[in-house]
Structure formats: C-alpha cells, structure tokens
Protein backbone atom coordinates (compact mmCIF):
# COMPACT_ATOMS: atom_id res chain seq x y z
CA MET A 1 -1.58 -7.11 -38.06
CA ASP A 2 -0.67 -4.60 -35.37
CA ALA A 3 2.08 -2.12 -36.17
CA PRO A 4 5.38 -2.76 -34.39
CA ASN A 5 5.60 -1.03 -31.03
CA PHE A 6 8.59 1.27 -31.62
CA ILE A 7 9.60 3.05 -28.41
CA ASP A 8 9.48 6.84 -28.59
CA HIS A 9 11.00 8.25 -25.41
CA ASP A 10 9.12 11.55 -25.81
CA LEU A 11 5.84 9.65 -25.42
CA TRP A 12 4.30 7.58 -22.64
CA GLY A 13 1.68 6.03 -24.93
CA SER A 14 -0.20 6.22 -28.19
CA LEU A 15 -3.40 5.07 -29.88
CA GLN A 16 -2.74 3.53 -33.28
CA PRO A 17 -5.81 3.48 -35.59
CA LEU A 18 -7.04 0.19 -36.99
CA GLY A 19 -8.82 1.82 -39.93
CA ALA A 20 -7.65 4.08 -42.73
CA GLY A 21 -7.90 7.87 -42.68
CA ILE A 22 -7.63 8.31 -38.90
CA TYR A 23 -4.53 9.90 -37.38
CA ARG A 24 -2.48 8.36 -34.60
CA MET A 25 -2.86 9.89 -31.14
CA ASP A 26 0.51 10.42 -29.44
CA PHE A 27 0.56 11.07 -25.69
CA LEU A 28 3.47 13.31 -24.72
CA ARG A 29 5.13 12.79 -21.34
CA CYS A 30 4.39 16.38 -20.35
CA PHE A 31 0.65 15.60 -20.43
CA THR A 32 -0.25 12.82 -18.00
CA LEU A 33 -4.02 13.32 -18.39
CA ILE A 34 -5.39 12.96 -21.93
CA THR A 35 -8.97 13.87 -22.88
CA ILE A 36 -10.73 12.58 -26.00
CA GLY A 37 -14.11 13.72 -27.32
CA ARG A 38 -16.09 15.72 -29.86
CA HIS A 39 -15.74 19.19 -28.27
CA PRO A 40 -12.65 20.93 -29.74
CA GLN A 41 -12.16 23.27 -26.78
CA THR A 42 -12.16 20.70 -23.97
CA ASN A 43 -10.15 17.82 -25.43
CA HIS A 44 -6.59 17.06 -26.43
CA PHE A 45 -7.82 14.86 -29.29
CA VAL A 46 -11.04 15.45 -31.22
CA LEU A 47 -13.17 12.73 -32.83
CA PRO A 48 -16.02 14.38 -34.79
CA GLY A 49 -18.34 11.37 -35.08
CA GLN A 50 -22.03 11.51 -34.14
CA ARG A 51 -21.62 8.73 -31.58
CA ILE A 52 -18.77 10.53 -29.84
CA SER A 53 -19.66 12.49 -26.69
CA ASN A 54 -18.45 16.04 -26.11
CA ASN A 55 -16.17 14.64 -23.42
CA HIS A 56 -15.93 10.96 -24.28
CA CYS A 57 -13.13 9.60 -22.11
CA GLU A 58 -9.99 10.37 -20.16
CA ILE A 59 -6.75 8.42 -20.16
CA LEU A 60 -4.46 8.99 -17.18
CA TRP A 61 -0.83 8.00 -16.88
CA GLU A 62 -0.22 7.64 -13.14
CA ASP A 63 3.07 6.23 -11.90
CA LYS A 64 3.37 2.94 -13.84
CA SER A 65 -0.35 2.55 -14.55
CA VAL A 66 -2.53 3.79 -17.38
CA VAL A 67 -6.21 4.19 -16.51
CA LEU A 68 -9.10 4.89 -18.88
CA THR A 69 -12.26 6.55 -17.53
CA ASP A 70 -15.37 6.27 -19.71
CA LEU A 71 -17.41 9.51 -19.68
CA SER A 72 -19.61 8.74 -22.68
CA SER A 73 -23.23 7.80 -23.26
CA ASN A 74 -22.67 5.73 -26.39
CA GLY A 75 -19.82 3.75 -24.91
CA THR A 76 -16.12 2.96 -24.87
CA TRP A 77 -14.93 -0.61 -25.43
CA ILE A 78 -11.69 -2.32 -24.43
CA ASN A 79 -11.13 -5.61 -26.24
CA ASP A 80 -14.84 -5.63 -27.20
CA GLU A 81 -15.95 -5.24 -23.56
CA LEU A 82 -18.02 -2.16 -22.70
CA VAL A 83 -16.43 -0.06 -19.97
CA GLY A 84 -19.59 1.90 -19.10
CA LYS A 85 -20.08 5.54 -18.20
CA GLY A 86 -18.26 6.50 -15.02
CA ASN A 87 -16.27 3.28 -14.88
CA LYS A 88 -12.49 2.91 -15.03
CA ARG A 89 -10.22 0.27 -16.49
CA ILE A 90 -6.47 -0.23 -16.53
CA LEU A 91 -5.02 -0.16 -20.04
CA ARG A 92 -2.33 -2.60 -21.10
CA ASP A 93 -0.05 -2.57 -24.09
CA GLY A 94 -1.88 -4.08 -27.07
CA ASN A 95 -5.43 -3.44 -25.79
CA GLN A 96 -7.91 -2.53 -28.53
CA ILE A 97 -10.06 0.51 -27.73
CA ALA A 98 -13.21 1.53 -29.60
CA PHE A 99 -15.03 4.85 -29.14
CA GLY A 100 -18.78 5.14 -29.81
CA SER A 101 -19.13 1.67 -31.32
CA PRO A 102 -17.12 -1.56 -31.15
CA ILE A 103 -17.41 -1.90 -34.94
CA ALA A 104 -16.74 0.49 -37.80
CA GLN A 105 -19.66 2.80 -38.69
CA GLY A 106 -18.95 3.71 -42.31
CA SER A 107 -16.26 6.39 -42.36
CA GLU A 108 -16.37 6.62 -38.57
CA ASP A 109 -13.99 3.84 -37.58
CA TYR A 110 -12.79 4.92 -34.16
CA ARG A 111 -10.97 1.73 -33.21
CA PHE A 112 -7.40 1.91 -31.95
CA THR A 113 -4.63 -0.20 -30.44
CA PHE A 114 -3.08 1.18 -27.27
CA ARG A 115 0.71 1.14 -27.22
CA THR A 116 2.77 1.99 -24.17
CA HIS A 117 6.15 3.66 -24.55
CA THR A 118 7.09 3.00 -20.93
CA THR A 119 7.94 -0.24 -19.13
CA ASP A 120 5.64 -2.98 -20.34
CA LEU A 121 2.92 -3.94 -17.91
CA ARG A 122 3.18 -7.38 -16.42
CA GLU A 123 0.69 -10.03 -17.43
CA TYR A 124 -0.99 -12.22 -14.82
CA ASP A 125 -2.96 -15.43 -14.88
CA ARG A 126 -6.63 -14.58 -14.72
CA GLY A 127 -8.22 -16.22 -11.68
CA GLU A 128 -11.19 -15.25 -9.54
CA LEU A 129 -9.25 -12.20 -8.36
CA PHE A 130 -9.55 -10.69 -11.83
CA LEU A 131 -13.32 -10.81 -11.76
CA HIS A 132 -13.18 -8.05 -9.15
CA TYR A 133 -9.73 -6.45 -9.40
CA GLU A 134 -7.14 -5.62 -12.01
CA ILE A 135 -3.41 -5.60 -11.28
CA ALA A 136 -1.46 -2.60 -12.50
CA HIS A 137 2.20 -3.08 -11.56
CA GLU A 138 4.48 -4.43 -8.87
CA LEU A 139 5.25 -2.22 -5.88
CA GLY A 140 7.77 -4.49 -4.18
CA SER A 141 8.67 -8.02 -3.20
CA GLY A 142 9.80 -9.95 -0.15
CA GLY A 143 10.10 -13.40 1.36
CA TYR A 144 6.38 -14.11 0.98
CA GLY A 145 5.96 -12.98 -2.63
CA THR A 146 5.07 -9.70 -4.29
CA VAL A 147 2.89 -6.69 -3.58
CA SER A 148 1.27 -4.99 -6.56
CA LYS A 149 -0.91 -1.97 -7.11
CA GLY A 150 -4.40 -2.86 -8.27
CA MET A 151 -7.81 -1.38 -8.92
CA CYS A 152 -11.27 -2.47 -7.79
CA LEU A 153 -13.37 -2.80 -10.94
CA ALA A 154 -16.59 -1.94 -9.11
CA THR A 155 -15.44 1.27 -7.41
CA GLY A 156 -12.24 2.45 -9.11
CA GLU A 157 -10.46 2.31 -5.74
CA TRP A 158 -6.72 1.74 -5.75
CA VAL A 159 -5.68 -1.22 -3.58
CA ALA A 160 -2.56 -3.22 -2.74
CA ILE A 161 -2.61 -6.88 -3.80
CA LYS A 162 -0.26 -9.19 -1.93
CA VAL A 163 0.45 -12.32 -3.96
CA ILE A 164 1.88 -15.01 -1.69
CA SER A 165 3.42 -17.81 -3.73
CA PRO A 166 4.08 -21.29 -2.29
CA LYS A 167 7.05 -21.66 -4.65
CA SER A 168 9.18 -19.28 -2.59
CA PHE A 169 8.88 -21.51 0.50
CA GLY A 170 10.07 -24.82 -0.90
CA THR A 171 9.85 -27.46 1.82
CA GLY A 172 8.29 -24.90 4.16
CA PHE A 173 5.05 -24.96 2.18
CA VAL A 174 2.95 -26.36 5.06
CA GLU A 175 4.23 -23.75 7.49
CA MET A 176 3.60 -21.05 4.90
CA ARG A 177 -0.02 -22.15 4.46
CA VAL A 178 -0.51 -22.00 8.22
CA SER A 179 1.01 -18.51 8.31
CA MET A 180 -1.18 -17.35 5.41
CA ALA A 181 -4.32 -18.70 7.03
CA ARG A 182 -3.32 -16.98 10.26
CA GLU A 183 -2.86 -13.63 8.54
CA VAL A 184 -6.25 -13.85 6.81
CA SER A 185 -8.00 -14.97 9.99
CA ILE A 186 -6.53 -12.16 12.06
CA MET A 187 -6.84 -9.30 9.58
CA SER A 188 -10.39 -10.11 8.51
CA ASN A 189 -11.61 -9.50 12.05
CA LEU A 190 -9.79 -6.22 12.69
CA SER A 191 -11.10 -2.69 12.29
CA HIS A 192 -8.85 0.16 13.40
CA PRO A 193 -7.74 3.36 11.61
CA ASN A 194 -4.07 2.42 12.04
CA ILE A 195 -4.32 -1.20 10.90
CA CYS A 196 -4.10 -2.04 7.21
CA GLU A 197 -7.56 -3.25 6.17
CA LEU A 198 -7.92 -6.62 4.50
CA LYS A 199 -10.59 -6.14 1.83
CA ASP A 200 -10.60 -9.52 0.08
CA ALA A 201 -8.73 -12.81 -0.07
CA PHE A 202 -8.57 -15.22 -3.03
CA HIS A 203 -6.95 -18.62 -3.37
CA HIS A 204 -5.55 -19.29 -6.84
CA GLU A 205 -6.28 -22.94 -7.59
CA HIS A 206 -3.82 -23.13 -10.48
CA ASP A 207 -0.59 -22.26 -8.66
CA GLY A 208 -1.69 -22.46 -5.01
CA SER A 209 -0.96 -18.81 -4.31
CA LEU A 210 -2.99 -16.63 -1.97
CA ASN A 211 -4.00 -13.15 -3.09
CA LEU A 212 -4.68 -10.66 -0.29
CA VAL A 213 -6.37 -7.41 -1.31
CA MET A 214 -5.48 -4.70 1.18
CA GLU A 215 -5.61 -0.98 1.72
CA LEU A 216 -3.05 0.88 -0.38
CA ALA A 217 -0.59 3.02 1.56
CA LEU A 218 0.64 5.63 -0.89
CA GLY A 219 3.53 6.84 1.27
CA GLY A 220 5.59 3.65 1.38
CA ASP A 221 6.84 2.30 4.70
CA LEU A 222 8.44 3.83 7.77
CA CYS A 223 11.83 2.39 6.82
CA THR A 224 11.85 4.49 3.65
CA HIS A 225 10.54 7.49 5.58
CA MET A 226 13.53 7.30 7.93
CA SER A 227 16.14 6.23 5.36
CA ASP A 228 17.30 9.74 4.48
CA GLY A 229 19.44 9.74 7.61
CA LEU A 230 17.52 12.62 9.14
CA ILE A 231 16.40 12.68 12.74
CA LEU A 232 12.64 13.19 12.96
CA ILE A 233 11.40 16.18 14.88
CA GLU A 234 9.88 15.14 18.17
CA ASP A 235 6.28 16.10 17.34
CA GLU A 236 6.30 14.04 14.14
CA ALA A 237 7.84 11.10 15.97
CA LYS A 238 5.16 11.43 18.66
CA PHE A 239 2.30 11.35 16.15
CA ILE A 240 3.72 8.28 14.40
CA ILE A 241 4.57 6.42 17.60
CA TRP A 242 1.18 7.14 19.18
CA GLN A 243 -0.60 5.67 16.16
CA ILE A 244 1.56 2.53 16.36
CA CYS A 245 0.91 2.21 20.09
CA ASP A 246 -2.83 2.73 19.63
CA ALA A 247 -2.99 0.03 16.94
CA LEU A 248 -1.00 -2.40 19.09
CA ALA A 249 -3.12 -1.67 22.18
CA TYR A 250 -6.14 -2.56 20.03
CA LEU A 251 -4.50 -5.83 18.95
CA HIS A 252 -3.45 -6.70 22.48
CA SER A 253 -7.00 -6.16 23.73
CA PHE A 254 -7.99 -9.11 21.51
CA GLY A 255 -5.08 -11.19 22.77
CA ILE A 256 -3.12 -10.71 19.54
CA THR A 257 0.64 -10.12 19.59
CA HIS A 258 2.17 -8.84 16.35
CA ARG A 259 5.69 -10.22 17.05
CA ASP A 260 7.42 -8.49 14.13
CA ILE A 261 7.31 -4.76 14.80
CA LYS A 262 9.84 -3.07 12.53
CA PRO A 263 9.78 -0.04 10.17
CA GLU A 264 9.18 -2.21 7.08
CA ASN A 265 5.87 -3.41 8.54
CA ILE A 266 4.60 0.10 9.27
CA LEU A 267 3.03 1.63 6.17
CA LEU A 268 2.31 5.33 5.72
CA SER A 269 -0.04 7.57 3.78
CA GLY A 270 1.51 10.15 1.49
CA HIS A 271 0.98 13.03 3.91
CA LEU A 272 3.07 14.94 6.42
CA PRO A 273 2.55 14.00 9.14
CA PRO A 274 1.53 10.57 7.84
CA LEU A 275 -1.33 8.26 8.70
CA VAL A 276 0.14 4.99 9.99
CA LYS A 277 -1.03 1.55 8.84
CA LEU A 278 0.29 -1.48 10.71
CA SER A 279 0.72 -4.44 8.34
CA ASP A 280 2.12 -7.96 7.87
CA PHE A 281 0.43 -10.21 10.38
CA GLY A 282 2.10 -13.39 9.12
CA LEU A 283 3.90 -13.78 12.46
CA ALA A 284 1.05 -12.61 14.68
CA LYS A 285 -0.34 -15.05 17.19
CA ILE A 286 -3.25 -15.05 19.59
CA VAL A 287 -2.37 -15.56 23.25
CA ASP A 288 -4.16 -15.32 26.56
CA GLU A 289 -2.99 -14.43 30.04
CA HIS A 290 -2.02 -18.04 30.77
CA THR A 291 -0.23 -18.78 27.50
CA MET A 292 3.26 -17.62 26.60
CA LEU A 293 4.59 -17.62 23.04
CA ARG A 294 7.67 -19.79 22.61
CA SER A 295 8.61 -19.78 18.93
CA GLU A 296 11.51 -17.56 17.88
CA CYS A 297 10.37 -15.20 15.17
CA GLY A 298 10.65 -11.58 14.19
CA THR A 299 13.65 -9.55 13.01
CA ALA A 300 16.83 -9.82 15.10
CA GLU A 301 17.50 -6.13 15.67
CA TYR A 302 13.96 -5.61 16.99
CA LYS A 303 13.75 -8.69 19.24
CA PRO A 304 13.90 -8.30 23.04
CA PRO A 305 16.01 -10.59 25.27
CA GLU A 306 13.12 -12.83 26.33
CA GLN A 307 12.30 -13.66 22.71
CA ARG A 308 15.71 -15.35 22.43
CA GLN A 309 15.76 -17.23 25.70
CA GLY A 310 12.97 -19.72 24.95
CA ASP A 311 11.25 -19.22 28.31
CA GLY A 312 8.15 -17.76 26.70
CA TYR A 313 7.07 -14.20 26.06
CA ASP A 314 3.89 -12.19 25.62
CA HIS A 315 2.63 -8.98 24.00
CA LEU A 316 5.40 -6.96 25.66
CA VAL A 317 7.71 -8.02 22.82
CA ASP A 318 5.81 -5.48 20.72
CA SER A 319 6.63 -2.73 23.23
CA TRP A 320 10.32 -3.43 22.73
CA GLY A 321 9.97 -3.13 18.95
CA VAL A 322 8.27 0.25 19.31
CA GLY A 323 11.08 1.36 21.63
CA VAL A 324 13.70 0.43 19.05
CA ILE A 325 11.85 2.39 16.35
CA LEU A 326 11.49 5.46 18.57
CA PHE A 327 15.17 5.33 19.54
CA ILE A 328 16.13 5.34 15.85
CA MET A 329 13.78 8.25 15.16
CA LEU A 330 15.36 10.36 17.91
CA THR A 331 19.03 9.47 17.44
CA ASN A 332 19.38 8.05 13.90
CA SER A 333 21.07 5.04 15.53
CA MET A 334 20.14 1.55 16.69
CA PRO A 335 19.78 1.38 20.49
CA VAL A 336 21.74 -1.87 20.77
CA ASP A 337 25.51 -2.00 20.52
CA LEU A 338 25.79 -4.09 17.37
CA ASP A 339 29.60 -4.14 17.67
CA LYS A 340 29.31 -6.77 20.38
CA GLY A 341 29.44 -9.33 17.57
CA ASP A 342 26.87 -11.54 15.88
CA GLU A 343 27.89 -14.65 17.81
CA ARG A 344 27.31 -13.01 21.18
CA ARG A 345 24.09 -11.36 20.06
CA GLN A 346 22.72 -14.72 18.95
CA ALA A 347 23.36 -16.29 22.37
CA PRO A 348 20.10 -17.16 24.20
CA ASP A 349 21.18 -15.40 27.40
CA TRP A 350 22.39 -12.26 25.63
CA ASP A 351 21.36 -9.12 27.50
CA PRO A 352 21.46 -6.12 25.16
CA PHE A 353 23.67 -3.19 26.00
CA ILE A 354 21.55 -0.13 25.28
CA LEU A 355 23.42 2.94 24.07
CA TRP A 356 21.62 5.25 26.46
CA ASN A 357 24.24 7.98 26.04
CA LEU A 358 22.94 8.63 22.51
CA LEU A 359 19.45 9.27 23.85
CA ILE A 360 20.72 11.33 26.79
CA ASP A 361 22.65 13.60 24.42
CA ALA A 362 19.72 13.96 22.00
CA GLU A 363 18.03 17.36 21.97
CA VAL A 364 14.62 16.04 22.92
CA SER A 365 12.33 16.36 25.92
CA ASP A 366 12.80 14.46 29.16
CA GLU A 367 9.32 13.00 28.65
CA VAL A 368 10.25 11.23 25.41
CA LYS A 369 13.48 9.97 26.95
CA ASP A 370 11.48 8.45 29.80
CA PHE A 371 8.96 7.00 27.33
CA THR A 372 11.77 5.31 25.39
CA TRP A 373 13.44 4.06 28.56
CA LEU A 374 10.21 2.39 29.70
CA LEU A 375 9.89 0.56 26.37
CA LEU A 376 13.46 -0.73 26.27
CA ARG A 377 13.57 -2.42 29.65
CA SER A 378 15.35 -5.79 29.45
CA ASN A 379 13.00 -7.21 32.06
CA PRO A 380 9.57 -7.44 30.39
CA LYS A 381 7.86 -7.05 33.78
CA GLU A 382 9.29 -3.52 33.95
CA ARG A 383 8.37 -2.66 30.36
CA MET A 384 5.51 -0.30 29.54
CA THR A 385 2.43 -1.82 27.90
CA MET A 386 0.89 -0.30 24.80
CA LYS A 387 -2.28 0.44 26.75
CA ASN A 388 -0.32 2.49 29.27
CA ALA A 389 1.62 4.28 26.53
CA GLY A 390 -1.38 6.52 25.90
CA LYS A 391 -1.37 7.56 29.56
CA HIS A 392 2.30 8.58 29.61
CA ALA A 393 3.22 12.25 30.09
CA TRP A 394 4.77 12.40 26.63
CA ILE A 395 1.57 11.28 24.87
CA HIS A 396 -1.42 12.12 27.04
CA PRO A 397 -1.36 15.97 26.84
CA SER A 398 -1.47 15.77 23.01
CA LEU A 399 -3.97 12.93 22.80
CA ASN A 400 -7.06 14.89 21.73
CA VAL A 401 -5.16 16.92 19.13
CA MET A 402 -3.60 13.79 17.65
CA ARG A 403 -6.95 11.99 17.53
CA ARG A 404 -8.50 14.88 15.59
CA GLY A 405 -5.52 14.95 13.25
CA ARG A 406 -5.81 11.23 12.64
CA ASP A 407 -9.56 11.51 11.95
CA GLU A 408 -8.90 14.15 9.29
CA LEU A 409 -6.18 12.05 7.68
CA VAL A 410 -8.50 9.03 7.59
CA LYS A 411 -11.05 11.06 5.59
CA ILE A 412 -8.41 12.43 3.21
CA ASN A 413 -6.81 9.03 2.74
CA ALA A 414 -10.15 7.41 1.91
CA ALA A 415 -10.91 10.05 -0.71
CA GLU A 416 -7.48 9.71 -2.32
CA SER A 417 -7.92 5.96 -2.74
CA TYR A 418 -10.39 6.68 -5.53
CA LEU A 419 -9.89 8.19 -8.93
CA ASN A 420 -12.64 10.80 -9.00
CA TYR A 421 -12.60 13.20 -11.90
CA LYS A 422 -16.23 14.20 -12.26
CA GLU A 423 -16.61 16.78 -9.55
CA ASP A 424 -15.75 20.49 -9.49
CA TYR A 425 -14.24 20.93 -12.96
CA ARG A 426 -16.16 18.66 -15.33
CA ILE A 427 -18.05 20.33 -18.20
CA GLU A 428 -21.32 18.45 -18.55
CA ASP A 429 -21.71 16.50 -21.80
CA GLU A 430 -24.34 17.56 -24.28
CA GLU A 431 -24.84 14.06 -25.64
CA THR A 432 -26.04 13.10 -29.11
CA GLU A 433 -28.02 9.89 -28.81
CA THR A 434 -28.66 7.66 -31.81
C-alpha cells in the first residue's frame, strides 16, 4: 500500500521507495531541476546500481507541470512503460517510477512512487488524444470549454490543448458543432507567423468534445499585457499592431473575416516586444466580394456600427476592432463613450461617439493618430483595409525592421516550445551495459 501523501510545503515533490533500505528523495522548492544518476558529482540524488547511468534522468518542476526526461541506456519506466532515452513524460501524483529495471534486481530495488506536494494534477479520460499528447494542467477557461497545457509525446514540444465541451452549450449544441467544424476547417488551412497554428484535432467519442491541439503562447494574451493600466510606448504598439494587421490581411486575402478581434483573442509569446498569435476562429466566416455577413456576433465594445444594423458587413469589421485595440494602447481608454448608456448602445442605428480628444491629447505621433482615425471611421467605405495598413506612413518606414524582428522571434519561439536539455552543458554518460 502506498504511504499517505502528507503535504510538506517546503517540497514540490518526492520519490517514495517501494522497497526496503532505500531512502526517500525529497525535492525542495528551491531546486526546480532534479538530477538522478550514478555519478556523485553531477547529480542531486545518487543511485549506485550497475544498471544506473552516470546521468540517468532529470525531473523538472515547471509552472504546474512535472516532467521527467530519460537520459539512460538501461531505461526508466513510468507505470511499467519504458520512457526511452531522450524522451520526456509528464509525471502525475501516484505514478510509479523504476530506474534501470522495472523489477527489483536483488538489493537494487530502484522503484519509487512519485508524490506531488503542490496542487494535484487533473485527471482526464484517455481518448485518442492521449496516444499522442499528455495534458499537464489547465491554463484557463471560457464559454467554449477549457485550454490546458500539454506535451507532444513524440517531440517533447509544449502545446495548448483546447477542450470544447458540448455540455456548456445546452440547447445550442448544433450551433456549437457548426462553429467547431468551422474553426477546424479554417485553421487547418492557414500558415502565417502571426496566426496560432492548429497542429491536431481529435473528436472524443465518449463525451462528444472536440480537442484542438494548438501552438502554445507562453506570454498570455494581449488583454493581460495591457491590464496593468500602463500606456504602451508607441514603438511597441506599432510592432504589435502591425503583426495583427499582417495576419488579418492574410486572412482577408482568402476571403476570411475574423469577426471577433479583441485583446483576449490575441496571444503573445513571452518576449518583449512579443510575437503575436491571432487565435479563436470560432466566429470567423468566409465571404466573397458579393456576399455580406449578416449575423450579429463578436464582442460589443469592439463591434462597429454596421455590425449592429443588420444591413450586412464585410472584412472591414476587423479593421474597426484593430482601431479599438490601438486606441486603448495609446490612451488607456476605450474610444467609445460608454456613458451613453447600454440601451442606446444596443440600438441598431447607434452611431458611436468617438472620444477623439483623448487621442489628440496623447503624446504620440501624428502618423499613429491618423492611422487610428482611419480605422475608426463609422462609415466602412471610409475605413482603412488591413492590406493598406502596411502602406500607411506610420507602418511602412519600419516595415523591413519589423519583419526581421518577427523572423527572429519566430525562431526563438519555436526553440522555446521544446524542452531541450542535452546541448551545451550535458556531461556525456559513460554507460555500464549489462
């Protein structure tokens, strides 16, 4: 029987031995990376057995996840399954780990039970998704379901897994399925450095949920980035806005309108300045030059007048959303006078009163003021397209520099999606084979 899992707040985890005569390994919170092996000078915990490699494995506590990397030749097992040299697995509370052999070898019984002393990891039903990915912990939740951090079992790459549950939609289940299918259809055909990549999609037969495996944005969303109440410097705002405009121009070239541009749907890398990733295509719709969208969707504060009036609208609704975001970046205020009252603002013929005085008084260039003005035109025929945004005097002089900066961030972001520990500092194992 496993020992009770008493919580020790000085520890983030421990390995409790299954056999007699082996000490317990306690992982202190001040050490997030734990090394285990035979070499006494390169490991936190030493196992002297002949089947133990000099550097046998690493266990990393990262955020709310615990990841084991197998570095051995003779093997590391989790619940009697071989991890394999160079491979990584997420550890969960109660997992049994064996080093060198899955069974006791005389006095060398290196079998342990992993115990976490942090928040217990959530358990999930094992569907087809789990043949390829493992879920670590929840990152957030919304109207569609939850988004969790996960790991690709084949590559060790961190990913975001969006679990869309039909239960949260009640009688709107049919509409939800249409929206899910739309998101998968659109995202699977897109390839742009500023659009969140859809890597996989799985339908869970048991509960009807859809699991979307997407790029992981380590920097959260733009809403969080701007939530400190600080006005962004103009150059940072320009780099972020240009990436959004470039992604939308790409979408519009395929006849796709996003329809829900808001800070929560703009994900960021963990860098300054950040790499932008446009996400959440559940409301996106494909249109052509002769077809106008008529359904009312999107978030109220980011919706232009024509989206309320029911006369039809096109991709220029996205331009308005970008204008609202830029206005907030420059002034730390919404551009629309929200004190006009909810009832009036919900009226179909409501024409927004833009608080231009806030932008005029802002200590920013005339070029960015003009850029914002062109995006927030009430008449969509007067509004700047995303394609033309790159030609504007505020953007165009910096275009080449921003493209090079984005290219560098793409490379860095790709590298950081993987847990690579072998290069640069690894002492090569001098293995003992048996």
